[in-house]
């Protein structure tokens, strides 16, 4: 059976925020081997648009760092496994770690959609 993994990416690494990604990588995996990879631009971001789009791309698993609870709910309701808090690094390495059950899910910057930016200016 082929497993299709979807992963939001930016600058050749897993994107820290699911809903902010400009593209996704899709990996087809069978018998512990990566058969194919594909990079696809994301649709316009509206509530529920990414999960629906991922579903239409026939992914079984989504690997993310930060993701909102609504998106998780939609994906899981569609029977898609969501793996969160994955440390952002090279997507291929992440998928190889996924295949070998060695994923690092210690990423603490969980996306709660309340972004606080502090700016300090020294004059």
N, C-alpha and C. Protein backbone atom coordinates (compact mmCIF):
# COMPACT_ATOMS: atom_id res chain seq x y z
N UNK A 1 0.83 -1.19 0.00
CA UNK A 1 0.00 0.00 0.00
C UNK A 1 0.87 1.26 0.00
N UNK A 2 0.52 2.20 -0.84
CA UNK A 2 1.27 3.46 -0.89
C UNK A 2 0.72 4.43 0.14
N UNK A 3 1.62 5.03 0.91
CA UNK A 3 1.26 6.08 1.86
C UNK A 3 1.67 7.40 1.22
N UNK A 4 0.77 8.36 1.22
CA UNK A 4 1.09 9.67 0.68
C UNK A 4 1.19 10.67 1.83
N UNK A 5 2.39 11.25 1.99
CA UNK A 5 2.66 12.21 3.06
C UNK A 5 2.66 13.62 2.48
N UNK A 6 1.95 14.53 3.14
CA UNK A 6 1.95 15.94 2.75
C UNK A 6 2.68 16.74 3.82
N UNK A 7 3.48 17.73 3.37
CA UNK A 7 4.27 18.52 4.29
C UNK A 7 4.40 19.96 3.78
N UNK A 8 4.04 20.96 4.62
CA UNK A 8 4.22 22.35 4.20
C UNK A 8 5.71 22.70 4.21
N UNK A 9 6.19 23.33 3.14
CA UNK A 9 7.62 23.65 3.07
C UNK A 9 7.87 25.11 2.71
N UNK A 10 8.99 25.61 3.20
CA UNK A 10 9.50 26.91 2.78
C UNK A 10 11.01 26.88 2.91
N UNK A 11 11.70 27.41 1.92
CA UNK A 11 13.17 27.46 1.90
C UNK A 11 13.79 26.10 2.20
N UNK A 12 13.32 25.07 1.51
CA UNK A 12 13.87 23.71 1.63
C UNK A 12 13.83 23.13 3.03
N UNK A 13 12.84 23.53 3.83
CA UNK A 13 12.66 22.97 5.16
C UNK A 13 11.16 22.90 5.46
N UNK A 14 10.81 22.10 6.44
CA UNK A 14 9.43 22.04 6.90
C UNK A 14 9.03 23.43 7.39
N UNK A 15 7.89 23.93 6.92
CA UNK A 15 7.42 25.25 7.34
C UNK A 15 6.94 25.19 8.79
N UNK A 16 7.27 26.20 9.61
CA UNK A 16 6.81 26.18 11.01
C UNK A 16 5.29 26.37 11.15
N UNK A 17 4.65 26.94 10.13
CA UNK A 17 3.21 27.20 10.21
C UNK A 17 2.48 26.58 9.02
N UNK A 18 1.63 25.63 9.29
CA UNK A 18 0.83 24.93 8.27
C UNK A 18 0.11 25.90 7.34
N UNK A 19 -0.63 26.84 7.92
CA UNK A 19 -1.48 27.73 7.13
C UNK A 19 -0.76 28.84 6.40
N UNK A 20 0.55 29.00 6.65
CA UNK A 20 1.29 30.08 6.00
C UNK A 20 2.15 29.58 4.85
N UNK A 21 2.18 28.29 4.63
CA UNK A 21 3.08 27.72 3.62
C UNK A 21 2.63 28.11 2.21
N UNK A 22 3.62 28.39 1.37
CA UNK A 22 3.32 28.72 -0.03
C UNK A 22 3.33 27.49 -0.91
N UNK A 23 3.92 26.41 -0.41
CA UNK A 23 3.91 25.17 -1.18
C UNK A 23 3.98 23.98 -0.23
N UNK A 24 3.57 22.84 -0.75
CA UNK A 24 3.62 21.58 -0.01
C UNK A 24 4.43 20.59 -0.81
N UNK A 25 5.12 19.70 -0.10
CA UNK A 25 5.76 18.56 -0.74
C UNK A 25 4.90 17.34 -0.45
N UNK A 26 4.71 16.54 -1.46
CA UNK A 26 4.00 15.27 -1.31
C UNK A 26 4.99 14.15 -1.59
N UNK A 27 5.01 13.16 -0.70
CA UNK A 27 5.90 12.01 -0.84
C UNK A 27 5.05 10.75 -0.95
N UNK A 28 5.29 9.94 -1.99
CA UNK A 28 4.66 8.63 -2.08
C UNK A 28 5.64 7.61 -1.51
N UNK A 29 5.18 6.85 -0.52
CA UNK A 29 6.04 5.89 0.17
C UNK A 29 5.41 4.50 0.07
N UNK A 30 6.24 3.52 -0.27
CA UNK A 30 5.77 2.13 -0.28
C UNK A 30 6.90 1.23 0.19
N UNK A 31 6.58 0.30 1.09
CA UNK A 31 7.58 -0.64 1.62
C UNK A 31 8.82 0.06 2.15
N UNK A 32 8.63 1.18 2.84
CA UNK A 32 9.75 1.87 3.45
C UNK A 32 10.64 2.64 2.48
N UNK A 33 10.16 2.84 1.25
CA UNK A 33 10.96 3.57 0.26
C UNK A 33 10.15 4.73 -0.31
N UNK A 34 10.85 5.84 -0.58
CA UNK A 34 10.21 6.99 -1.21
C UNK A 34 10.16 6.72 -2.72
N UNK A 35 8.95 6.60 -3.25
CA UNK A 35 8.79 6.32 -4.68
C UNK A 35 8.79 7.59 -5.52
N UNK A 36 8.16 8.65 -4.98
CA UNK A 36 8.03 9.88 -5.76
C UNK A 36 7.88 11.06 -4.82
N UNK A 37 8.35 12.22 -5.28
CA UNK A 37 8.12 13.45 -4.55
C UNK A 37 7.57 14.49 -5.53
N UNK A 38 6.78 15.38 -4.99
CA UNK A 38 6.16 16.41 -5.82
C UNK A 38 6.04 17.67 -4.98
N UNK A 39 6.36 18.82 -5.57
CA UNK A 39 6.20 20.10 -4.88
C UNK A 39 5.06 20.84 -5.59
N UNK A 40 4.08 21.26 -4.80
CA UNK A 40 2.88 21.87 -5.36
C UNK A 40 2.57 23.17 -4.63
N UNK A 41 2.30 24.27 -5.39
CA UNK A 41 1.90 25.52 -4.73
C UNK A 41 0.54 25.35 -4.05
N UNK A 42 0.35 26.04 -2.94
CA UNK A 42 -0.89 25.92 -2.19
C UNK A 42 -1.99 26.80 -2.80
N UNK A 43 -3.24 26.46 -2.52
CA UNK A 43 -4.34 27.33 -2.95
C UNK A 43 -4.39 28.56 -2.05
N UNK A 44 -5.28 29.49 -2.37
CA UNK A 44 -5.45 30.66 -1.52
C UNK A 44 -5.86 30.20 -0.13
N UNK A 45 -5.29 30.82 0.91
CA UNK A 45 -5.57 30.38 2.27
C UNK A 45 -6.85 31.00 2.81
N UNK A 46 -7.84 30.15 3.02
CA UNK A 46 -9.08 30.52 3.70
C UNK A 46 -9.33 29.41 4.70
N UNK A 47 -10.19 29.62 5.67
CA UNK A 47 -10.44 28.57 6.66
C UNK A 47 -10.90 27.30 5.97
N UNK A 48 -10.18 26.23 6.22
CA UNK A 48 -10.55 24.93 5.66
C UNK A 48 -10.02 24.66 4.26
N UNK A 49 -9.42 25.67 3.60
CA UNK A 49 -8.98 25.46 2.21
C UNK A 49 -7.81 24.48 2.12
N UNK A 50 -6.82 24.59 3.02
CA UNK A 50 -5.67 23.68 2.95
C UNK A 50 -6.08 22.23 3.24
N UNK A 51 -6.84 21.98 4.33
CA UNK A 51 -7.24 20.59 4.58
C UNK A 51 -8.04 19.98 3.43
N UNK A 52 -8.95 20.75 2.85
CA UNK A 52 -9.73 20.24 1.71
C UNK A 52 -8.83 19.94 0.52
N UNK A 53 -7.87 20.83 0.28
CA UNK A 53 -6.93 20.67 -0.84
C UNK A 53 -6.05 19.44 -0.62
N UNK A 54 -5.59 19.24 0.62
CA UNK A 54 -4.76 18.06 0.95
C UNK A 54 -5.57 16.78 0.74
N UNK A 55 -6.82 16.83 1.16
CA UNK A 55 -7.71 15.68 0.97
C UNK A 55 -7.86 15.36 -0.52
N UNK A 56 -8.02 16.42 -1.34
CA UNK A 56 -8.19 16.20 -2.78
C UNK A 56 -6.91 15.68 -3.43
N UNK A 57 -5.77 15.88 -2.78
CA UNK A 57 -4.49 15.35 -3.27
C UNK A 57 -4.23 13.93 -2.76
N UNK A 58 -5.20 13.37 -2.07
CA UNK A 58 -5.18 11.97 -1.61
C UNK A 58 -4.06 11.64 -0.61
N UNK A 59 -3.70 12.62 0.23
CA UNK A 59 -2.68 12.36 1.25
C UNK A 59 -3.30 11.56 2.39
N UNK A 60 -2.50 10.66 3.00
CA UNK A 60 -2.95 9.88 4.16
C UNK A 60 -2.39 10.45 5.46
N UNK A 61 -1.24 11.14 5.34
CA UNK A 61 -0.52 11.64 6.51
C UNK A 61 -0.09 13.08 6.24
N UNK A 62 -0.23 13.94 7.26
CA UNK A 62 0.28 15.31 7.19
C UNK A 62 1.30 15.46 8.31
N UNK A 63 2.50 15.93 7.95
CA UNK A 63 3.55 16.17 8.93
C UNK A 63 3.74 17.68 9.03
N UNK A 64 3.58 18.22 10.25
CA UNK A 64 3.65 19.67 10.44
C UNK A 64 4.39 20.02 11.73
N UNK A 65 4.77 21.30 11.82
CA UNK A 65 5.30 21.83 13.09
C UNK A 65 4.13 22.41 13.85
N UNK A 66 3.63 23.55 13.40
CA UNK A 66 2.50 24.20 14.04
C UNK A 66 1.28 24.18 13.14
N UNK A 67 0.11 23.94 13.74
CA UNK A 67 -1.14 23.86 12.98
C UNK A 67 -2.29 24.21 13.93
N UNK A 68 -3.28 24.89 13.41
CA UNK A 68 -4.43 25.26 14.23
C UNK A 68 -5.35 24.07 14.48
N UNK A 69 -6.10 24.10 15.59
CA UNK A 69 -6.97 22.97 15.96
C UNK A 69 -8.07 22.70 14.94
N UNK A 70 -8.58 23.73 14.27
CA UNK A 70 -9.65 23.54 13.27
C UNK A 70 -9.14 22.71 12.10
N UNK A 71 -7.91 23.03 11.63
CA UNK A 71 -7.32 22.29 10.51
C UNK A 71 -7.11 20.82 10.89
N UNK A 72 -6.63 20.58 12.12
CA UNK A 72 -6.43 19.20 12.59
C UNK A 72 -7.76 18.46 12.58
N UNK A 73 -8.80 19.13 13.08
CA UNK A 73 -10.13 18.53 13.15
C UNK A 73 -10.63 18.12 11.76
N UNK A 74 -10.48 19.00 10.77
CA UNK A 74 -10.93 18.72 9.40
C UNK A 74 -10.13 17.56 8.80
N UNK A 75 -8.81 17.59 8.99
CA UNK A 75 -7.97 16.52 8.44
C UNK A 75 -8.29 15.18 9.07
N UNK A 76 -8.39 15.15 10.41
CA UNK A 76 -8.67 13.88 11.08
C UNK A 76 -10.06 13.36 10.74
N UNK A 77 -11.02 14.26 10.55
CA UNK A 77 -12.37 13.83 10.16
C UNK A 77 -12.36 13.17 8.78
N UNK A 78 -11.36 13.55 7.96
CA UNK A 78 -11.23 12.97 6.62
C UNK A 78 -10.38 11.70 6.65
N UNK A 79 -9.99 11.26 7.87
CA UNK A 79 -9.21 10.03 7.98
C UNK A 79 -7.73 10.22 7.73
N UNK A 80 -7.27 11.47 7.78
CA UNK A 80 -5.85 11.77 7.55
C UNK A 80 -5.14 11.88 8.90
N UNK A 81 -4.02 11.18 9.04
CA UNK A 81 -3.22 11.23 10.26
C UNK A 81 -2.44 12.53 10.28
N UNK A 82 -2.48 13.25 11.41
CA UNK A 82 -1.74 14.51 11.54
C UNK A 82 -0.66 14.33 12.60
N UNK A 83 0.59 14.56 12.21
CA UNK A 83 1.71 14.48 13.14
C UNK A 83 2.21 15.90 13.35
N UNK A 84 2.11 16.40 14.60
CA UNK A 84 2.44 17.79 14.88
C UNK A 84 3.74 17.93 15.68
N UNK A 85 4.18 19.19 15.83
CA UNK A 85 5.38 19.54 16.62
C UNK A 85 6.66 18.91 16.08
N UNK A 86 6.69 18.66 14.76
CA UNK A 86 7.89 18.11 14.15
C UNK A 86 8.90 19.25 13.96
N UNK A 87 10.14 19.00 14.32
CA UNK A 87 11.19 20.01 14.23
C UNK A 87 11.45 20.35 12.75
N UNK A 88 11.38 21.64 12.38
CA UNK A 88 11.59 22.01 10.97
C UNK A 88 13.02 21.73 10.52
N UNK A 89 13.14 20.90 9.51
CA UNK A 89 14.44 20.64 8.88
C UNK A 89 14.18 20.13 7.47
N UNK A 90 15.17 19.52 6.86
CA UNK A 90 15.03 19.05 5.48
C UNK A 90 13.86 18.08 5.34
N UNK A 91 12.93 18.36 4.41
CA UNK A 91 11.74 17.51 4.26
C UNK A 91 12.05 16.04 3.99
N UNK A 92 13.05 15.79 3.16
CA UNK A 92 13.38 14.39 2.84
C UNK A 92 13.86 13.65 4.09
N UNK A 93 14.68 14.33 4.90
CA UNK A 93 15.16 13.72 6.15
C UNK A 93 13.98 13.43 7.08
N UNK A 94 13.04 14.36 7.15
CA UNK A 94 11.85 14.17 7.99
C UNK A 94 11.07 12.93 7.53
N UNK A 95 10.89 12.78 6.22
CA UNK A 95 10.15 11.63 5.71
C UNK A 95 10.91 10.33 5.98
N UNK A 96 12.24 10.37 5.82
CA UNK A 96 13.03 9.17 6.14
C UNK A 96 12.92 8.83 7.63
N UNK A 97 12.92 9.87 8.49
CA UNK A 97 12.72 9.62 9.93
C UNK A 97 11.32 9.06 10.19
N UNK A 98 10.32 9.56 9.47
CA UNK A 98 8.95 9.05 9.58
C UNK A 98 8.90 7.56 9.22
N UNK A 99 9.53 7.20 8.13
CA UNK A 99 9.57 5.80 7.68
C UNK A 99 10.22 4.92 8.76
N UNK A 100 11.27 5.45 9.40
CA UNK A 100 12.03 4.68 10.40
C UNK A 100 11.54 4.89 11.84
N UNK A 101 10.37 5.51 11.99
CA UNK A 101 9.81 5.79 13.33
C UNK A 101 10.77 6.57 14.22
N UNK A 102 11.46 7.56 13.65
CA UNK A 102 12.42 8.35 14.42
C UNK A 102 12.12 9.84 14.36
N UNK A 103 10.87 10.21 14.10
CA UNK A 103 10.52 11.62 13.98
C UNK A 103 10.78 12.38 15.27
N UNK A 104 11.36 13.57 15.14
CA UNK A 104 11.59 14.44 16.31
C UNK A 104 10.37 15.35 16.46
N UNK A 105 9.54 15.06 17.45
CA UNK A 105 8.31 15.86 17.67
C UNK A 105 8.45 16.71 18.93
N UNK A 106 9.63 17.29 19.11
CA UNK A 106 9.87 18.10 20.30
C UNK A 106 9.77 19.59 20.01
N UNK A 107 9.30 19.95 18.83
CA UNK A 107 9.23 21.36 18.45
C UNK A 107 8.19 22.06 19.32
N UNK A 108 8.62 23.10 20.05
CA UNK A 108 7.76 23.69 21.08
C UNK A 108 6.99 24.92 20.63
N UNK A 109 7.37 25.51 19.50
CA UNK A 109 6.71 26.75 19.07
C UNK A 109 5.36 26.43 18.42
N UNK A 110 4.40 26.04 19.24
CA UNK A 110 3.10 25.61 18.73
C UNK A 110 2.32 26.83 18.25
N UNK A 111 1.75 26.72 17.10
CA UNK A 111 1.02 27.83 16.49
C UNK A 111 -0.34 27.99 17.15
N UNK A 112 -0.47 29.04 17.95
CA UNK A 112 -1.75 29.26 18.63
C UNK A 112 -2.53 30.41 17.99
N UNK A 113 -2.01 30.92 16.87
CA UNK A 113 -2.63 32.01 16.12
C UNK A 113 -2.69 33.32 16.88
N UNK A 114 -1.94 33.43 17.97
CA UNK A 114 -1.77 34.71 18.64
C UNK A 114 -0.30 35.04 18.54
N UNK A 115 0.02 35.83 17.54
CA UNK A 115 1.42 36.13 17.28
C UNK A 115 1.82 37.43 17.97
N UNK A 116 2.84 37.35 18.78
CA UNK A 116 3.33 38.52 19.50
C UNK A 116 4.71 38.86 18.98
N UNK A 117 4.83 40.06 18.44
CA UNK A 117 6.14 40.49 17.92
C UNK A 117 6.57 41.70 18.73
N UNK A 118 7.77 41.61 19.29
CA UNK A 118 8.30 42.74 20.04
C UNK A 118 9.44 43.34 19.24
N UNK A 119 9.45 44.64 19.16
CA UNK A 119 10.51 45.33 18.45
C UNK A 119 11.27 46.22 19.44
N UNK A 120 12.56 46.05 19.50
CA UNK A 120 13.39 46.86 20.37
C UNK A 120 14.27 47.75 19.51
N UNK A 121 14.26 49.02 19.80
CA UNK A 121 15.08 49.96 19.04
C UNK A 121 16.06 50.63 19.98
N UNK A 122 17.32 50.55 19.64
CA UNK A 122 18.35 51.24 20.43
C UNK A 122 18.78 52.48 19.66
N UNK A 123 18.55 53.64 20.25
CA UNK A 123 18.93 54.88 19.56
C UNK A 123 20.11 55.50 20.24
